[in-house]
Structures are given as C-alpha cells and as structure tokens.
Amino acid sequence: MLKEGCGWKALTPFSMPWRPTSPESLESIRRLRHEVEERGDRRLALLLAGVELYATLGREFELLEIMRAFAHEMHEAVQGTPSARELEDLFNRDGPGDSPPA
C-alpha cells in the first residue's frame, strides 16, 4: 500500500503514516521540546513529548515487525540444515580410506 503523495510503502498494516526521516529528526523534536519547556509553554512541550513518543514507539514497533518477518523467513531457509555440532562431527570424522586408530 503506497501512502499518497509520499511514495512510502507500508511495511506492516500498523505502519505509521508519518515518520521522521532520520534519528536527527527525533533529536530535533527533543531539543525543540526542551527549548519550549524552558520558555514556559508546558502545553506545547507536552504536545511535542507526545509526538516524540509516537514517533519513537512507532519506529520500534515497525522494527519489531520487520525482525519477526525476517525470523520466519530465515526459519524456513535453514530448516533441515545440519547444526554446527553435526557439521563439526562431519568435518572431524575419519575419511573413507582411513582406518581408526588402534
């Protein structure tokens, strides 16, 4: 699903319609909130804190969804492959022409 006008493709059905483009965006919101609070506008500071929380939690939730999808894909890809212990045993076993030590 494409977000109109932005060209963003939704990663999950829970994707946020607005996202900061970089960690610097979150830091800018944080600095602005502190400046506004220092000036005494507590209501605007509270609103900015809500925006910051929304953006931070939304990004974390999307990351969790991406990791969950990746885990499912990787499980299917590695299912049935030998374990590290099995590979080590296979590597260390005697060759077909070698006789075991007496």
N, C-alpha and C. Protein backbone atom coordinates (compact mmCIF):
# COMPACT_ATOMS: atom_id res chain seq x y z
N MET A 1 0.84 -1.17 0.00
CA MET A 1 0.00 0.00 0.00
C MET A 1 0.89 1.23 0.00
N LEU A 2 0.70 2.12 -0.93
CA LEU A 2 1.50 3.34 -1.02
C LEU A 2 0.78 4.49 -0.34
N LYS A 3 1.53 5.24 0.42
CA LYS A 3 1.00 6.45 1.04
C LYS A 3 0.96 7.52 -0.03
N GLU A 4 -0.21 8.08 -0.28
CA GLU A 4 -0.37 9.05 -1.36
C GLU A 4 0.52 10.27 -1.13
N GLY A 5 1.18 10.68 -2.20
CA GLY A 5 1.99 11.88 -2.15
C GLY A 5 3.38 11.69 -1.57
N CYS A 6 3.61 10.59 -0.88
CA CYS A 6 4.91 10.39 -0.24
C CYS A 6 5.74 9.32 -0.94
N GLY A 7 5.08 8.36 -1.56
CA GLY A 7 5.79 7.27 -2.19
C GLY A 7 6.31 6.24 -1.21
N TRP A 8 5.85 6.29 0.06
CA TRP A 8 6.28 5.32 1.05
C TRP A 8 5.45 4.07 0.92
N LYS A 9 6.10 2.95 1.03
CA LYS A 9 5.39 1.69 1.01
C LYS A 9 5.24 1.21 2.45
N ALA A 10 4.04 0.87 2.85
CA ALA A 10 3.80 0.43 4.22
C ALA A 10 4.47 -0.92 4.43
N LEU A 11 5.24 -1.03 5.51
CA LEU A 11 5.92 -2.27 5.83
C LEU A 11 5.00 -3.26 6.51
N THR A 12 4.10 -2.77 7.32
CA THR A 12 3.16 -3.60 8.05
C THR A 12 1.81 -2.92 8.02
N PRO A 13 0.76 -3.64 8.40
CA PRO A 13 -0.54 -2.97 8.46
C PRO A 13 -0.59 -1.91 9.56
N PHE A 14 0.41 -1.91 10.45
CA PHE A 14 0.44 -0.97 11.55
C PHE A 14 1.41 0.18 11.31
N SER A 15 1.91 0.36 10.10
CA SER A 15 2.89 1.40 9.82
C SER A 15 2.31 2.78 10.09
N MET A 16 3.16 3.63 10.62
CA MET A 16 2.75 4.99 10.91
C MET A 16 2.66 5.78 9.61
N PRO A 17 1.67 6.66 9.49
CA PRO A 17 1.58 7.49 8.29
C PRO A 17 2.66 8.56 8.24
N TRP A 18 3.25 8.92 9.38
CA TRP A 18 4.31 9.92 9.43
C TRP A 18 5.49 9.30 10.14
N ARG A 19 6.69 9.52 9.61
CA ARG A 19 7.90 9.03 10.27
C ARG A 19 9.00 10.05 10.11
N PRO A 20 9.81 10.21 11.14
CA PRO A 20 11.00 11.05 10.95
C PRO A 20 11.91 10.36 9.94
N THR A 21 12.60 11.13 9.16
CA THR A 21 13.45 10.53 8.13
C THR A 21 14.78 10.07 8.69
N SER A 22 15.13 10.51 9.89
CA SER A 22 16.42 10.13 10.44
C SER A 22 16.40 10.30 11.96
N PRO A 23 17.39 9.72 12.64
CA PRO A 23 17.50 9.94 14.09
C PRO A 23 17.66 11.42 14.44
N GLU A 24 18.21 12.18 13.51
CA GLU A 24 18.37 13.61 13.74
C GLU A 24 17.01 14.30 13.89
N SER A 25 15.99 13.78 13.19
CA SER A 25 14.66 14.35 13.30
C SER A 25 14.12 14.19 14.71
N LEU A 26 14.31 13.02 15.28
CA LEU A 26 13.87 12.81 16.67
C LEU A 26 14.64 13.70 17.63
N GLU A 27 15.92 13.84 17.39
CA GLU A 27 16.74 14.70 18.24
C GLU A 27 16.28 16.15 18.13
N SER A 28 15.90 16.59 16.93
CA SER A 28 15.40 17.95 16.74
C SER A 28 14.10 18.18 17.51
N ILE A 29 13.22 17.21 17.47
CA ILE A 29 11.96 17.32 18.24
C ILE A 29 12.28 17.40 19.72
N ARG A 30 13.22 16.59 20.18
CA ARG A 30 13.61 16.56 21.59
C ARG A 30 14.17 17.93 22.02
N ARG A 31 15.06 18.48 21.19
CA ARG A 31 15.65 19.80 21.51
C ARG A 31 14.58 20.89 21.53
N LEU A 32 13.68 20.85 20.55
CA LEU A 32 12.60 21.84 20.49
C LEU A 32 11.72 21.74 21.73
N ARG A 33 11.41 20.53 22.13
CA ARG A 33 10.59 20.33 23.32
C ARG A 33 11.25 20.94 24.55
N HIS A 34 12.56 20.69 24.70
CA HIS A 34 13.28 21.26 25.85
C HIS A 34 13.30 22.79 25.79
N GLU A 35 13.52 23.36 24.62
CA GLU A 35 13.53 24.82 24.49
C GLU A 35 12.17 25.41 24.84
N VAL A 36 11.11 24.78 24.33
CA VAL A 36 9.75 25.28 24.60
C VAL A 36 9.44 25.18 26.09
N GLU A 37 9.86 24.09 26.71
CA GLU A 37 9.62 23.92 28.14
C GLU A 37 10.38 24.96 28.96
N GLU A 38 11.61 25.27 28.55
CA GLU A 38 12.39 26.30 29.24
C GLU A 38 11.74 27.68 29.13
N ARG A 39 11.05 27.92 28.02
CA ARG A 39 10.36 29.20 27.84
C ARG A 39 9.06 29.27 28.63
N GLY A 40 8.62 28.12 29.15
CA GLY A 40 7.44 28.13 30.00
C GLY A 40 6.17 27.63 29.35
N ASP A 41 6.19 27.23 28.10
CA ASP A 41 4.98 26.74 27.43
C ASP A 41 4.87 25.23 27.65
N ARG A 42 4.32 24.89 28.79
CA ARG A 42 4.26 23.47 29.17
C ARG A 42 3.30 22.68 28.29
N ARG A 43 2.24 23.29 27.83
CA ARG A 43 1.27 22.57 26.99
C ARG A 43 1.88 22.18 25.65
N LEU A 44 2.60 23.11 25.02
CA LEU A 44 3.26 22.79 23.76
C LEU A 44 4.36 21.76 23.99
N ALA A 45 5.07 21.88 25.11
CA ALA A 45 6.11 20.89 25.43
C ALA A 45 5.50 19.51 25.60
N LEU A 46 4.33 19.45 26.24
CA LEU A 46 3.66 18.16 26.41
C LEU A 46 3.21 17.60 25.06
N LEU A 47 2.70 18.45 24.20
CA LEU A 47 2.31 18.02 22.86
C LEU A 47 3.51 17.48 22.10
N LEU A 48 4.64 18.18 22.16
CA LEU A 48 5.86 17.72 21.48
C LEU A 48 6.37 16.41 22.08
N ALA A 49 6.21 16.24 23.39
CA ALA A 49 6.61 14.98 24.02
C ALA A 49 5.75 13.84 23.48
N GLY A 50 4.49 14.11 23.27
CA GLY A 50 3.60 13.10 22.68
C GLY A 50 4.00 12.74 21.26
N VAL A 51 4.37 13.74 20.48
CA VAL A 51 4.83 13.49 19.11
C VAL A 51 6.11 12.67 19.13
N GLU A 52 7.02 13.02 20.03
CA GLU A 52 8.28 12.29 20.16
C GLU A 52 8.02 10.83 20.55
N LEU A 53 7.14 10.62 21.50
CA LEU A 53 6.80 9.27 21.95
C LEU A 53 6.16 8.47 20.82
N TYR A 54 5.23 9.10 20.12
CA TYR A 54 4.56 8.44 18.99
C TYR A 54 5.57 8.01 17.93
N ALA A 55 6.48 8.90 17.60
CA ALA A 55 7.48 8.59 16.57
C ALA A 55 8.44 7.50 17.04
N THR A 56 8.90 7.60 18.28
CA THR A 56 9.86 6.63 18.80
C THR A 56 9.23 5.24 18.90
N LEU A 57 8.06 5.16 19.50
CA LEU A 57 7.40 3.86 19.64
C LEU A 57 6.99 3.28 18.29
N GLY A 58 6.56 4.13 17.39
CA GLY A 58 6.18 3.65 16.06
C GLY A 58 7.36 3.05 15.33
N ARG A 59 8.52 3.70 15.43
CA ARG A 59 9.72 3.17 14.79
C ARG A 59 10.12 1.85 15.40
N GLU A 60 10.06 1.74 16.74
CA GLU A 60 10.41 0.50 17.42
C GLU A 60 9.45 -0.62 17.03
N PHE A 61 8.16 -0.31 16.94
CA PHE A 61 7.17 -1.32 16.58
C PHE A 61 7.41 -1.83 15.15
N GLU A 62 7.69 -0.91 14.24
CA GLU A 62 7.97 -1.32 12.86
C GLU A 62 9.22 -2.19 12.79
N LEU A 63 10.25 -1.85 13.57
CA LEU A 63 11.46 -2.66 13.61
C LEU A 63 11.16 -4.06 14.13
N LEU A 64 10.34 -4.13 15.16
CA LEU A 64 9.94 -5.44 15.69
C LEU A 64 9.22 -6.28 14.63
N GLU A 65 8.32 -5.65 13.89
CA GLU A 65 7.58 -6.37 12.84
C GLU A 65 8.53 -6.85 11.74
N ILE A 66 9.50 -6.04 11.38
CA ILE A 66 10.48 -6.43 10.36
C ILE A 66 11.30 -7.60 10.87
N MET A 67 11.74 -7.54 12.12
CA MET A 67 12.53 -8.63 12.69
C MET A 67 11.72 -9.92 12.77
N ARG A 68 10.44 -9.82 13.13
CA ARG A 68 9.58 -11.00 13.22
C ARG A 68 9.42 -11.64 11.84
N ALA A 69 9.18 -10.83 10.83
CA ALA A 69 9.04 -11.37 9.47
C ALA A 69 10.34 -12.02 9.01
N PHE A 70 11.47 -11.39 9.32
CA PHE A 70 12.77 -11.94 8.94
C PHE A 70 13.01 -13.28 9.64
N ALA A 71 12.63 -13.38 10.91
CA ALA A 71 12.81 -14.63 11.65
C ALA A 71 12.02 -15.76 11.01
N HIS A 72 10.80 -15.47 10.56
CA HIS A 72 10.00 -16.51 9.90
C HIS A 72 10.64 -16.94 8.58
N GLU A 73 11.12 -15.97 7.81
CA GLU A 73 11.77 -16.29 6.53
C GLU A 73 13.04 -17.10 6.75
N MET A 74 13.83 -16.72 7.74
CA MET A 74 15.08 -17.43 8.00
C MET A 74 14.83 -18.83 8.53
N HIS A 75 13.78 -19.01 9.31
CA HIS A 75 13.45 -20.34 9.82
C HIS A 75 13.19 -21.30 8.67
N GLU A 76 12.43 -20.84 7.69
CA GLU A 76 12.15 -21.67 6.52
C GLU A 76 13.42 -21.94 5.72
N ALA A 77 14.32 -20.97 5.66
CA ALA A 77 15.54 -21.13 4.87
C ALA A 77 16.52 -22.11 5.50
N VAL A 78 16.57 -22.17 6.82
CA VAL A 78 17.56 -23.03 7.48
C VAL A 78 16.97 -24.33 8.01
N GLN A 79 15.67 -24.49 7.90
CA GLN A 79 15.03 -25.71 8.39
C GLN A 79 15.61 -26.92 7.66
N GLY A 80 16.05 -27.92 8.42
CA GLY A 80 16.58 -29.14 7.83
C GLY A 80 18.08 -29.10 7.56
N THR A 81 18.72 -27.97 7.75
CA THR A 81 20.17 -27.92 7.54
C THR A 81 20.86 -28.45 8.78
N PRO A 82 22.06 -29.01 8.63
CA PRO A 82 22.76 -29.57 9.79
C PRO A 82 23.13 -28.50 10.81
N SER A 83 23.18 -28.92 12.07
CA SER A 83 23.56 -27.99 13.13
C SER A 83 25.08 -27.81 13.11
N ALA A 84 25.57 -26.85 13.87
CA ALA A 84 27.01 -26.62 13.95
C ALA A 84 27.71 -27.87 14.49
N ARG A 85 27.12 -28.54 15.46
CA ARG A 85 27.72 -29.76 16.03
C ARG A 85 27.78 -30.86 14.99
N GLU A 86 26.72 -31.03 14.20
CA GLU A 86 26.70 -32.06 13.15
C GLU A 86 27.76 -31.76 12.08
N LEU A 87 27.91 -30.50 11.73
CA LEU A 87 28.93 -30.14 10.75
C LEU A 87 30.33 -30.39 11.30
N GLU A 88 30.53 -30.07 12.57
CA GLU A 88 31.83 -30.32 13.19
C GLU A 88 32.13 -31.82 13.22
N ASP A 89 31.15 -32.64 13.58
CA ASP A 89 31.34 -34.10 13.58
C ASP A 89 31.66 -34.61 12.18
N LEU A 90 30.97 -34.08 11.19
CA LEU A 90 31.21 -34.49 9.80
C LEU A 90 32.62 -34.11 9.36
N PHE A 91 33.07 -32.93 9.73
CA PHE A 91 34.40 -32.45 9.36
C PHE A 91 35.49 -33.26 10.06
N ASN A 92 35.27 -33.65 11.30
CA ASN A 92 36.29 -34.35 12.09
C ASN A 92 36.27 -35.86 11.96
N ARG A 93 35.33 -36.42 11.26
CA ARG A 93 35.28 -37.89 11.16
C ARG A 93 36.38 -38.38 10.24
N ASP A 94 36.70 -39.65 10.38
CA ASP A 94 37.76 -40.24 9.56
C ASP A 94 37.29 -40.34 8.13
N GLY A 95 38.26 -40.21 7.22
CA GLY A 95 37.95 -40.32 5.79
C GLY A 95 37.63 -41.77 5.42
N PRO A 96 37.12 -42.01 4.21
CA PRO A 96 36.70 -43.36 3.81
C PRO A 96 37.86 -44.34 3.74
N GLY A 97 39.09 -43.89 3.44
CA GLY A 97 40.22 -44.79 3.33
C GLY A 97 41.02 -44.90 4.60
N ASP A 98 40.71 -44.06 5.57
CA ASP A 98 41.46 -44.07 6.82
C ASP A 98 40.90 -45.14 7.75
N SER A 99 41.80 -45.80 8.47
CA SER A 99 41.33 -46.75 9.46
C SER A 99 41.39 -46.09 10.83
N PRO A 100 40.49 -46.44 11.71
CA PRO A 100 40.51 -45.82 13.03
C PRO A 100 41.77 -46.21 13.78
N PRO A 101 42.28 -45.31 14.64
CA PRO A 101 43.50 -45.63 15.40
C PRO A 101 43.26 -46.83 16.33
N ALA A 102 44.29 -47.66 16.49
CA ALA A 102 44.14 -48.86 17.31
C ALA A 102 44.41 -48.60 18.76
